[in-house]
């Protein structure tokens, strides 16, 4: 009886571990610049993880791409820079795996839903010379 109770507790604890909250199935990334990764965690989760970009279709992404190692899991979100070769071409079926470390890519702590990487928009916004500043583009114009 005790072993059944312990098994139930272990399963319940695992159900509330790291969860990737962004990117999502409906909101993915673009292939330009840094991208946001967000997650939730519980106190019993590892303090750090490595973020890895994967795709089951080897013709799209042949090898897992380590995006960031030793990410502080207590932060809840981070900005990920493109891999050394740049973001993959726009396509679907991507996932971000939160793994234990760079040598244990198969020890998955959490996995995002599949998402698309789309082409970046060719239009961009910037602050005007009159000093207009929107919350998303204040930058260092002042």
N, C-alpha and C. Protein backbone atom coordinates (compact mmCIF):
# COMPACT_ATOMS: atom_id res chain seq x y z
N UNK A 1 0.82 -1.20 0.00
CA UNK A 1 0.00 0.00 0.00
C UNK A 1 0.86 1.25 0.00
N UNK A 2 1.94 1.23 0.78
CA UNK A 2 2.82 2.40 0.83
C UNK A 2 3.46 2.68 -0.52
N UNK A 3 3.86 1.62 -1.23
CA UNK A 3 4.50 1.82 -2.53
C UNK A 3 3.53 2.43 -3.52
N UNK A 4 2.25 2.06 -3.46
CA UNK A 4 1.25 2.65 -4.35
C UNK A 4 1.07 4.13 -4.04
N UNK A 5 1.06 4.47 -2.75
CA UNK A 5 0.92 5.87 -2.35
C UNK A 5 2.14 6.67 -2.78
N UNK A 6 3.33 6.08 -2.64
CA UNK A 6 4.55 6.77 -3.06
C UNK A 6 4.56 6.98 -4.56
N UNK A 7 4.10 5.99 -5.32
CA UNK A 7 4.03 6.11 -6.77
C UNK A 7 3.07 7.22 -7.17
N UNK A 8 1.93 7.30 -6.52
CA UNK A 8 0.96 8.37 -6.80
C UNK A 8 1.55 9.73 -6.50
N UNK A 9 2.25 9.85 -5.38
CA UNK A 9 2.88 11.13 -5.04
C UNK A 9 3.95 11.50 -6.06
N UNK A 10 4.73 10.55 -6.49
CA UNK A 10 5.78 10.82 -7.49
C UNK A 10 5.16 11.28 -8.79
N UNK A 11 4.07 10.64 -9.22
CA UNK A 11 3.39 11.04 -10.44
C UNK A 11 2.80 12.44 -10.29
N UNK A 12 2.17 12.73 -9.17
CA UNK A 12 1.56 14.04 -8.94
C UNK A 12 2.63 15.13 -8.93
N UNK A 13 3.77 14.86 -8.30
CA UNK A 13 4.85 15.85 -8.26
C UNK A 13 5.37 16.11 -9.66
N UNK A 14 5.50 15.06 -10.47
CA UNK A 14 5.98 15.22 -11.84
C UNK A 14 5.03 16.01 -12.71
N UNK A 15 3.75 15.96 -12.41
CA UNK A 15 2.75 16.66 -13.21
C UNK A 15 2.84 18.17 -13.04
N UNK A 16 3.51 18.63 -12.01
CA UNK A 16 3.60 20.06 -11.76
C UNK A 16 5.03 20.57 -11.90
N UNK A 17 5.83 19.93 -12.69
CA UNK A 17 7.22 20.33 -12.88
C UNK A 17 7.31 21.44 -13.92
N UNK A 18 8.53 21.71 -14.40
CA UNK A 18 8.71 22.73 -15.44
C UNK A 18 7.65 22.59 -16.52
N UNK A 19 7.11 23.72 -16.94
CA UNK A 19 6.16 23.77 -18.04
C UNK A 19 6.52 24.95 -18.92
N UNK A 20 6.74 24.71 -20.20
CA UNK A 20 7.03 25.79 -21.15
C UNK A 20 5.72 26.50 -21.48
N UNK A 21 5.69 27.81 -21.27
CA UNK A 21 4.48 28.59 -21.54
C UNK A 21 4.60 29.44 -22.81
N UNK A 22 5.81 29.63 -23.33
CA UNK A 22 6.02 30.33 -24.60
C UNK A 22 7.36 29.89 -25.17
N UNK A 23 7.43 29.52 -26.40
CA UNK A 23 6.44 29.63 -27.47
C UNK A 23 5.32 28.61 -27.30
N UNK A 24 4.22 28.89 -28.01
CA UNK A 24 3.05 28.01 -27.96
C UNK A 24 2.75 27.49 -29.36
N UNK A 25 1.77 26.64 -29.44
CA UNK A 25 1.37 26.10 -30.73
C UNK A 25 0.86 27.19 -31.66
N UNK A 26 0.23 28.22 -31.10
CA UNK A 26 -0.33 29.30 -31.93
C UNK A 26 0.58 30.51 -32.05
N UNK A 27 1.53 30.66 -31.15
CA UNK A 27 2.46 31.78 -31.19
C UNK A 27 3.89 31.24 -31.12
N UNK A 28 4.57 31.27 -32.25
CA UNK A 28 5.93 30.75 -32.30
C UNK A 28 6.96 31.86 -32.31
N UNK A 29 8.03 31.63 -33.00
CA UNK A 29 9.14 32.56 -33.10
C UNK A 29 9.30 33.03 -34.54
N UNK A 30 10.12 34.07 -34.72
CA UNK A 30 10.53 34.48 -36.07
C UNK A 30 11.98 34.05 -36.25
N UNK A 31 12.46 34.17 -37.46
CA UNK A 31 13.84 33.76 -37.74
C UNK A 31 14.81 34.94 -37.69
N UNK A 32 14.46 35.95 -36.91
CA UNK A 32 15.32 37.13 -36.80
C UNK A 32 15.48 37.56 -35.35
N UNK A 33 16.70 37.72 -34.93
CA UNK A 33 16.97 38.26 -33.61
C UNK A 33 16.68 37.29 -32.47
N UNK A 34 16.74 37.82 -31.27
CA UNK A 34 16.53 37.03 -30.06
C UNK A 34 15.04 36.70 -29.91
N UNK A 35 14.77 35.55 -29.29
CA UNK A 35 13.40 35.08 -29.09
C UNK A 35 13.17 34.80 -27.61
N UNK A 36 11.92 34.94 -27.19
CA UNK A 36 11.56 34.76 -25.78
C UNK A 36 11.18 33.32 -25.49
N UNK A 37 11.66 32.82 -24.37
CA UNK A 37 11.27 31.53 -23.82
C UNK A 37 10.73 31.79 -22.42
N UNK A 38 9.52 31.30 -22.14
CA UNK A 38 8.91 31.47 -20.81
C UNK A 38 8.49 30.11 -20.28
N UNK A 39 8.49 29.97 -18.95
CA UNK A 39 8.15 28.71 -18.31
C UNK A 39 7.67 28.97 -16.90
N UNK A 40 7.08 27.94 -16.32
CA UNK A 40 6.77 27.93 -14.90
C UNK A 40 7.51 26.75 -14.29
N UNK A 41 7.70 26.79 -12.98
CA UNK A 41 8.40 25.71 -12.29
C UNK A 41 7.88 25.61 -10.87
N UNK A 42 8.24 24.53 -10.22
CA UNK A 42 7.94 24.35 -8.80
C UNK A 42 9.26 24.27 -8.05
N UNK A 43 9.21 24.42 -6.74
CA UNK A 43 10.43 24.46 -5.93
C UNK A 43 11.28 23.20 -6.02
N UNK A 44 10.66 22.08 -6.35
CA UNK A 44 11.43 20.84 -6.42
C UNK A 44 12.12 20.63 -7.77
N UNK A 45 11.88 21.52 -8.74
CA UNK A 45 12.56 21.42 -10.03
C UNK A 45 14.03 21.81 -9.89
N UNK A 46 14.83 21.33 -10.82
CA UNK A 46 16.24 21.73 -10.86
C UNK A 46 16.33 23.25 -10.98
N UNK A 47 17.36 23.83 -10.39
CA UNK A 47 17.51 25.29 -10.44
C UNK A 47 17.91 25.78 -11.82
N UNK A 48 18.60 24.95 -12.61
CA UNK A 48 19.08 25.35 -13.92
C UNK A 48 18.68 24.32 -14.96
N UNK A 49 18.63 24.75 -16.20
CA UNK A 49 18.39 23.84 -17.32
C UNK A 49 19.10 24.38 -18.55
N UNK A 50 19.15 23.57 -19.58
CA UNK A 50 19.69 23.96 -20.88
C UNK A 50 18.53 23.96 -21.87
N UNK A 51 18.42 25.02 -22.68
CA UNK A 51 17.36 25.13 -23.69
C UNK A 51 17.89 24.64 -25.02
N UNK A 52 17.15 23.71 -25.64
CA UNK A 52 17.58 23.08 -26.88
C UNK A 52 16.44 23.15 -27.90
N UNK A 53 16.76 23.60 -29.12
CA UNK A 53 15.79 23.63 -30.21
C UNK A 53 15.88 22.31 -30.98
N UNK A 54 14.73 21.67 -31.20
CA UNK A 54 14.68 20.40 -31.92
C UNK A 54 13.56 20.41 -32.95
N UNK A 55 13.66 19.48 -33.88
CA UNK A 55 12.60 19.24 -34.85
C UNK A 55 12.70 17.77 -35.24
N UNK A 56 11.59 17.05 -35.22
CA UNK A 56 11.61 15.62 -35.56
C UNK A 56 11.96 15.37 -37.02
N UNK A 57 11.80 16.38 -37.88
CA UNK A 57 12.12 16.23 -39.30
C UNK A 57 13.57 16.64 -39.53
N UNK A 58 14.43 15.66 -39.74
CA UNK A 58 15.87 15.92 -39.91
C UNK A 58 16.16 16.76 -41.14
N UNK A 59 15.25 16.83 -42.10
CA UNK A 59 15.48 17.67 -43.27
C UNK A 59 15.30 19.16 -42.92
N UNK A 60 14.63 19.43 -41.81
CA UNK A 60 14.44 20.81 -41.35
C UNK A 60 15.53 21.21 -40.36
N UNK A 61 15.82 20.34 -39.43
CA UNK A 61 16.86 20.58 -38.42
C UNK A 61 17.48 19.23 -38.09
N UNK A 62 18.68 19.01 -38.61
CA UNK A 62 19.28 17.68 -38.49
C UNK A 62 19.78 17.35 -37.09
N UNK A 63 20.24 18.33 -36.35
CA UNK A 63 20.76 18.10 -35.01
C UNK A 63 20.13 19.07 -34.02
N UNK A 64 19.97 18.64 -32.77
CA UNK A 64 19.49 19.58 -31.74
C UNK A 64 20.44 20.78 -31.65
N UNK A 65 19.86 21.95 -31.47
CA UNK A 65 20.65 23.18 -31.35
C UNK A 65 20.56 23.70 -29.92
N UNK A 66 21.69 23.72 -29.22
CA UNK A 66 21.72 24.26 -27.86
C UNK A 66 21.61 25.77 -27.97
N UNK A 67 20.58 26.32 -27.35
CA UNK A 67 20.35 27.77 -27.41
C UNK A 67 20.91 28.49 -26.19
N UNK A 68 20.87 27.85 -25.03
CA UNK A 68 21.40 28.45 -23.81
C UNK A 68 21.64 27.36 -22.78
N UNK A 69 22.79 27.42 -22.13
CA UNK A 69 23.13 26.46 -21.08
C UNK A 69 23.04 27.14 -19.72
N UNK A 70 22.76 26.36 -18.71
CA UNK A 70 22.70 26.84 -17.33
C UNK A 70 21.77 28.05 -17.17
N UNK A 71 20.57 27.95 -17.76
CA UNK A 71 19.56 28.99 -17.61
C UNK A 71 19.04 28.94 -16.18
N UNK A 72 18.93 30.09 -15.54
CA UNK A 72 18.40 30.17 -14.18
C UNK A 72 16.90 29.92 -14.22
N UNK A 73 16.48 28.75 -13.77
CA UNK A 73 15.08 28.37 -13.82
C UNK A 73 14.16 29.22 -12.97
N UNK A 74 14.70 29.92 -11.98
CA UNK A 74 13.86 30.74 -11.11
C UNK A 74 13.40 32.02 -11.79
N UNK A 75 13.98 32.38 -12.94
CA UNK A 75 13.63 33.62 -13.62
C UNK A 75 12.24 33.59 -14.27
N UNK A 76 11.83 32.44 -14.80
CA UNK A 76 10.52 32.34 -15.45
C UNK A 76 10.52 32.69 -16.92
N UNK A 77 11.53 33.40 -17.38
CA UNK A 77 11.65 33.70 -18.82
C UNK A 77 13.07 34.16 -19.11
N UNK A 78 13.43 34.05 -20.36
CA UNK A 78 14.73 34.50 -20.82
C UNK A 78 14.65 34.81 -22.30
N UNK A 79 15.63 35.51 -22.79
CA UNK A 79 15.75 35.80 -24.21
C UNK A 79 16.85 34.92 -24.78
N UNK A 80 16.52 34.20 -25.84
CA UNK A 80 17.46 33.28 -26.45
C UNK A 80 17.99 33.85 -27.77
N UNK A 81 19.30 33.89 -27.89
CA UNK A 81 19.91 34.35 -29.13
C UNK A 81 19.92 33.22 -30.15
N UNK A 82 20.00 33.56 -31.43
CA UNK A 82 20.04 32.51 -32.46
C UNK A 82 21.25 31.60 -32.28
N UNK A 83 21.14 30.35 -32.74
CA UNK A 83 22.31 29.48 -32.71
C UNK A 83 23.40 30.05 -33.62
N UNK A 84 24.60 29.53 -33.52
CA UNK A 84 25.74 30.08 -34.26
C UNK A 84 25.50 30.17 -35.77
N UNK A 85 24.74 29.26 -36.33
CA UNK A 85 24.44 29.29 -37.77
C UNK A 85 23.19 30.08 -38.10
N UNK A 86 22.60 30.74 -37.12
CA UNK A 86 21.35 31.49 -37.33
C UNK A 86 20.15 30.59 -37.11
N UNK A 87 18.97 31.20 -37.08
CA UNK A 87 17.74 30.43 -36.91
C UNK A 87 17.51 29.59 -38.16
N UNK A 88 16.87 28.44 -38.00
CA UNK A 88 16.54 27.63 -39.17
C UNK A 88 15.59 28.39 -40.10
N UNK A 89 15.51 27.94 -41.34
CA UNK A 89 14.57 28.54 -42.29
C UNK A 89 13.15 28.39 -41.75
N UNK A 90 12.28 29.33 -42.09
CA UNK A 90 10.90 29.24 -41.61
C UNK A 90 10.27 27.90 -41.95
N UNK A 91 9.64 27.31 -40.96
CA UNK A 91 8.99 26.01 -41.12
C UNK A 91 8.26 25.69 -39.82
N UNK A 92 7.69 24.51 -39.73
CA UNK A 92 6.95 24.10 -38.55
C UNK A 92 7.59 22.90 -37.87
N UNK A 93 6.95 22.45 -36.82
CA UNK A 93 7.38 21.26 -36.12
C UNK A 93 8.52 21.45 -35.13
N UNK A 94 8.82 22.69 -34.77
CA UNK A 94 9.90 22.94 -33.81
C UNK A 94 9.39 22.77 -32.39
N UNK A 95 10.30 22.42 -31.50
CA UNK A 95 10.04 22.36 -30.06
C UNK A 95 11.27 22.89 -29.35
N UNK A 96 11.05 23.41 -28.16
CA UNK A 96 12.16 23.74 -27.27
C UNK A 96 12.10 22.74 -26.13
N UNK A 97 13.20 22.02 -25.94
CA UNK A 97 13.31 21.10 -24.82
C UNK A 97 14.12 21.78 -23.72
N UNK A 98 13.63 21.69 -22.51
CA UNK A 98 14.42 22.09 -21.35
C UNK A 98 15.05 20.80 -20.85
N UNK A 99 16.37 20.72 -20.94
CA UNK A 99 17.07 19.49 -20.58
C UNK A 99 17.99 19.74 -19.40
N UNK A 100 18.46 18.66 -18.82
CA UNK A 100 19.28 18.76 -17.61
C UNK A 100 20.55 19.56 -17.83
N UNK A 101 21.31 19.24 -18.88
CA UNK A 101 22.54 19.98 -19.17
C UNK A 101 23.00 19.66 -20.59
N UNK A 102 24.11 20.23 -20.99
CA UNK A 102 24.58 20.10 -22.37
C UNK A 102 25.07 18.70 -22.72
N UNK A 103 25.35 17.88 -21.73
CA UNK A 103 25.80 16.52 -22.02
C UNK A 103 24.69 15.49 -21.87
N UNK A 104 23.53 15.93 -21.39
CA UNK A 104 22.40 15.02 -21.21
C UNK A 104 21.17 15.58 -21.93
N UNK A 105 21.27 15.68 -23.27
CA UNK A 105 20.20 16.27 -24.06
C UNK A 105 18.93 15.42 -24.06
N UNK A 106 19.04 14.16 -23.69
CA UNK A 106 17.87 13.29 -23.66
C UNK A 106 17.18 13.26 -22.30
N UNK A 107 17.74 13.97 -21.32
CA UNK A 107 17.10 14.07 -20.01
C UNK A 107 16.22 15.32 -20.04
N UNK A 108 15.01 15.15 -20.57
CA UNK A 108 14.11 16.28 -20.80
C UNK A 108 13.31 16.58 -19.55
N UNK A 109 13.42 17.83 -19.10
CA UNK A 109 12.66 18.29 -17.93
C UNK A 109 11.30 18.82 -18.35
N UNK A 110 11.22 19.40 -19.54
CA UNK A 110 9.97 19.93 -20.10
C UNK A 110 10.16 20.10 -21.60
N UNK A 111 9.04 20.19 -22.30
CA UNK A 111 9.08 20.34 -23.75
C UNK A 111 7.94 21.28 -24.15
N UNK A 112 8.25 22.21 -25.04
CA UNK A 112 7.21 23.10 -25.53
C UNK A 112 6.29 22.34 -26.47
N UNK A 113 5.12 22.92 -26.73
CA UNK A 113 4.31 22.36 -27.82
C UNK A 113 5.05 22.61 -29.14
N UNK A 114 4.67 21.92 -30.20
CA UNK A 114 5.28 22.22 -31.49
C UNK A 114 4.85 23.63 -31.91
N UNK A 115 5.76 24.32 -32.56
CA UNK A 115 5.48 25.69 -33.00
C UNK A 115 6.18 25.95 -34.32
N UNK A 116 5.81 27.06 -34.95
CA UNK A 116 6.41 27.46 -36.21
C UNK A 116 7.46 28.54 -35.99
N UNK A 117 8.47 28.51 -36.82
CA UNK A 117 9.40 29.64 -36.94
C UNK A 117 9.03 30.28 -38.27
N UNK A 118 8.64 31.55 -38.21
CA UNK A 118 8.20 32.26 -39.41
C UNK A 118 9.22 33.31 -39.82
N UNK A 119 9.10 33.78 -41.04
CA UNK A 119 9.98 34.84 -41.53
C UNK A 119 9.66 36.12 -40.78
N UNK A 120 10.70 36.86 -40.46
CA UNK A 120 10.52 38.13 -39.76
C UNK A 120 9.84 39.13 -40.69
N UNK A 121 9.03 39.97 -40.12
CA UNK A 121 8.35 41.00 -40.89
C UNK A 121 9.37 41.98 -41.44
N UNK A 122 9.14 42.45 -42.65
CA UNK A 122 10.08 43.40 -43.25
C UNK A 122 9.86 44.82 -42.76
N UNK A 123 8.73 45.07 -42.12
CA UNK A 123 8.50 46.42 -41.59
C UNK A 123 8.99 46.46 -40.15
N UNK A 124 9.50 47.59 -39.75
CA UNK A 124 9.96 47.75 -38.37
C UNK A 124 9.54 49.08 -37.83
N UNK A 125 9.40 49.18 -36.54
CA UNK A 125 9.04 50.45 -35.92
C UNK A 125 10.25 51.03 -35.23
N UNK A 126 10.31 52.32 -35.24
CA UNK A 126 11.40 52.98 -34.52
C UNK A 126 10.90 54.31 -33.99
N UNK A 127 11.62 54.84 -33.06
CA UNK A 127 11.24 56.13 -32.48
C UNK A 127 11.49 57.23 -33.50
N UNK A 128 10.61 58.18 -33.55
CA UNK A 128 10.79 59.27 -34.50
C UNK A 128 11.74 60.30 -33.95
N UNK A 129 12.16 61.22 -34.78
CA UNK A 129 13.09 62.25 -34.36
C UNK A 129 12.44 63.25 -33.41
N UNK A 130 11.10 63.19 -33.27
CA UNK A 130 10.42 64.10 -32.36
C UNK A 130 10.45 63.59 -30.92
N UNK A 131 11.01 62.40 -30.71
CA UNK A 131 11.12 61.88 -29.36
C UNK A 131 9.95 61.03 -28.94
N UNK A 132 9.08 60.65 -29.87
CA UNK A 132 7.97 59.78 -29.53
C UNK A 132 8.52 58.44 -29.08
N UNK A 133 8.00 57.96 -27.97
CA UNK A 133 8.50 56.71 -27.44
C UNK A 133 7.33 55.82 -27.06
N UNK A 134 7.24 54.69 -27.70
CA UNK A 134 6.24 53.70 -27.33
C UNK A 134 6.93 52.70 -26.42
N UNK A 135 6.17 51.97 -25.63
CA UNK A 135 6.73 51.02 -24.67
C UNK A 135 7.65 50.01 -25.33
N UNK A 136 7.47 49.73 -26.61
CA UNK A 136 8.24 48.68 -27.26
C UNK A 136 9.44 49.19 -28.03
N UNK A 137 9.65 50.50 -28.11
CA UNK A 137 10.78 50.96 -28.91
C UNK A 137 11.50 52.17 -28.32
N UNK A 138 11.53 52.30 -27.04
CA UNK A 138 12.21 53.45 -26.44
C UNK A 138 13.72 53.37 -26.63
N UNK A 139 14.26 52.18 -26.47
CA UNK A 139 15.69 51.99 -26.72
C UNK A 139 16.55 53.06 -26.08
N UNK A 140 17.55 53.50 -26.79
CA UNK A 140 18.45 54.50 -26.25
C UNK A 140 18.33 55.81 -27.01
N UNK A 141 17.12 56.17 -27.34
CA UNK A 141 16.89 57.39 -28.12
C UNK A 141 16.95 58.65 -27.26
N UNK A 142 17.05 58.49 -25.97
CA UNK A 142 17.04 59.67 -25.10
C UNK A 142 18.37 59.87 -24.42
